[in-house]
Amino acid sequence: MKKIYYLSTCDTCKRILSELDAPSDFDLQDIKSDPLTKEEVEQLKSLAGNYESLFSKRARLYKERDLKNKELKEEDYKTLLLEHYTFLKRPVIVHEQEIFIGNSKKTVEAAKASLHE
């Protein structure tokens, strides 16, 4: 699979997309207009190893709901990821069987290297 999950209103996602210069055979999915399905979340989890690694603790709703003071389990992370797009750590880049999650410089560089091998 060759897919990038991103948010079109996010400047960081836009910058990373232009920086990646992804080949034309990549699918781009704007998670705001085309929310993640249960199957997609499960597929991402199988590549990432767990739901928590896909989860953004920087999301505004995370703070508003005071989730940091709750003990979240894997099933909670899955439910939250399906509930609202802002809980997904972005962007998520899937290249064949590799997954790159988030916007750290190291992650973006690794994704770039993988895409242009």
Protein backbone atom coordinates (compact mmCIF):
# COMPACT_ATOMS: atom_id res chain seq x y z
CA MET A 1 0.00 0.00 0.00
CA LYS A 2 1.13 3.52 -0.76
CA LYS A 3 -0.91 6.07 1.13
CA ILE A 4 -0.58 9.29 3.07
CA TYR A 5 -3.13 10.29 5.70
CA TYR A 6 -2.99 14.03 6.30
CA LEU A 7 -5.04 17.09 7.15
CA SER A 8 -5.43 19.61 4.31
CA THR A 9 -5.88 22.51 6.75
CA CYS A 10 -2.61 21.74 8.56
CA ASP A 11 0.36 23.84 7.44
CA THR A 12 2.81 21.27 8.78
CA CYS A 13 1.16 18.50 6.73
CA LYS A 14 1.25 20.72 3.62
CA ARG A 15 4.94 21.46 4.15
CA ILE A 16 5.80 17.80 4.65
CA LEU A 17 3.79 16.72 1.59
CA SER A 18 5.69 19.16 -0.61
CA GLU A 19 8.97 18.12 0.99
CA LEU A 20 8.24 14.40 0.43
CA ASP A 21 7.46 14.88 -3.26
CA ALA A 22 5.55 11.57 -3.16
CA PRO A 23 5.36 9.59 -6.38
CA SER A 24 2.08 9.89 -8.28
CA ASP A 25 1.02 6.33 -7.37
CA PHE A 26 0.46 7.39 -3.74
CA ASP A 27 -3.10 7.87 -2.48
CA LEU A 28 -3.62 11.02 -0.42
CA GLN A 29 -6.43 10.93 2.12
CA ASP A 30 -7.56 14.12 3.82
CA ILE A 31 -8.80 12.73 7.13
CA LYS A 32 -11.14 15.67 7.72
CA SER A 33 -13.19 15.22 4.55
CA ASP A 34 -12.61 11.45 4.32
CA PRO A 35 -12.46 10.12 7.92
CA LEU A 36 -10.64 6.92 8.81
CA THR A 37 -12.68 3.73 8.65
CA LYS A 38 -12.48 0.97 11.23
CA GLU A 39 -10.61 -1.18 8.67
CA GLU A 40 -8.07 1.59 7.98
CA VAL A 41 -7.42 2.15 11.69
CA GLU A 42 -6.94 -1.59 12.20
CA GLN A 43 -4.60 -1.78 9.20
CA LEU A 44 -2.53 1.15 10.51
CA LYS A 45 -2.38 -0.51 13.94
CA SER A 46 -1.09 -3.75 12.40
CA LEU A 47 1.77 -1.78 10.82
CA ALA A 48 2.43 0.46 13.83
CA GLY A 49 2.13 -2.24 16.49
CA ASN A 50 -0.45 -0.47 18.64
CA TYR A 51 -3.10 2.25 18.56
CA GLU A 52 -1.30 4.48 21.02
CA SER A 53 1.56 5.15 18.58
CA LEU A 54 -1.02 6.53 16.10
CA PHE A 55 -2.58 8.77 18.73
CA SER A 56 -1.79 12.47 19.06
CA LYS A 57 -1.57 13.68 22.63
CA ARG A 58 -1.25 17.22 21.28
CA ALA A 59 -4.86 17.27 20.05
CA ARG A 60 -6.99 20.05 21.46
CA LEU A 61 -9.70 17.54 22.41
CA TYR A 62 -7.13 15.52 24.37
CA LYS A 63 -6.58 18.52 26.62
CA GLU A 64 -10.25 19.59 26.70
CA ARG A 65 -11.39 16.14 27.82
CA ASP A 66 -8.55 15.90 30.34
CA LEU A 67 -7.54 12.54 28.85
CA LYS A 68 -3.99 12.78 30.21
CA ASN A 69 -5.42 12.16 33.67
CA LYS A 70 -7.30 9.06 32.53
CA GLU A 71 -5.81 5.62 32.10
CA LEU A 72 -6.39 4.90 28.43
CA LYS A 73 -6.25 1.35 27.11
CA GLU A 74 -5.65 0.24 23.51
CA GLU A 75 -9.39 -0.05 22.87
CA ASP A 76 -9.85 3.55 24.13
CA TYR A 77 -7.22 4.81 21.68
CA LYS A 78 -8.94 2.94 18.85
CA THR A 79 -12.34 4.39 19.76
CA LEU A 80 -10.93 7.93 19.96
CA LEU A 81 -9.11 7.58 16.62
CA LEU A 82 -12.39 6.57 14.99
CA GLU A 83 -14.35 9.26 16.80
CA HIS A 84 -12.44 12.35 15.68
CA TYR A 85 -9.77 13.00 13.05
CA THR A 86 -7.69 15.28 15.30
CA PHE A 87 -6.64 12.30 17.43
CA LEU A 88 -4.52 10.88 14.59
CA LYS A 89 -0.86 11.87 14.78
CA ARG A 90 -0.18 13.41 11.37
CA PRO A 91 0.86 12.78 8.76
CA VAL A 92 0.81 8.99 8.55
CA ILE A 93 2.77 7.72 5.57
CA VAL A 94 2.41 4.09 4.52
CA HIS A 95 4.90 2.79 1.97
CA GLU A 96 4.49 -0.92 1.26
CA GLN A 97 4.93 -2.51 4.72
CA GLU A 98 6.60 0.52 6.35
CA ILE A 99 4.75 3.16 8.35
CA PHE A 100 5.96 6.63 9.29
CA ILE A 101 3.92 8.46 11.92
CA GLY A 102 4.12 12.12 12.81
CA ASN A 103 6.09 15.15 11.77
CA SER A 104 9.44 14.82 13.53
CA LYS A 105 12.40 15.66 11.33
CA LYS A 106 13.81 12.14 11.76
CA THR A 107 10.49 10.52 10.73
CA VAL A 108 10.09 12.77 7.69
CA GLU A 109 13.68 12.08 6.56
CA ALA A 110 13.17 8.32 6.94
CA ALA A 111 9.92 8.50 4.94
CA LYS A 112 11.60 10.56 2.24
CA ALA A 113 14.43 8.03 1.97
CA SER A 114 11.94 5.15 1.75
CA LEU A 115 9.83 6.82 -0.94
CA HIS A 116 12.77 7.64 -3.18
CA GLU A 117 14.80 4.41 -2.93
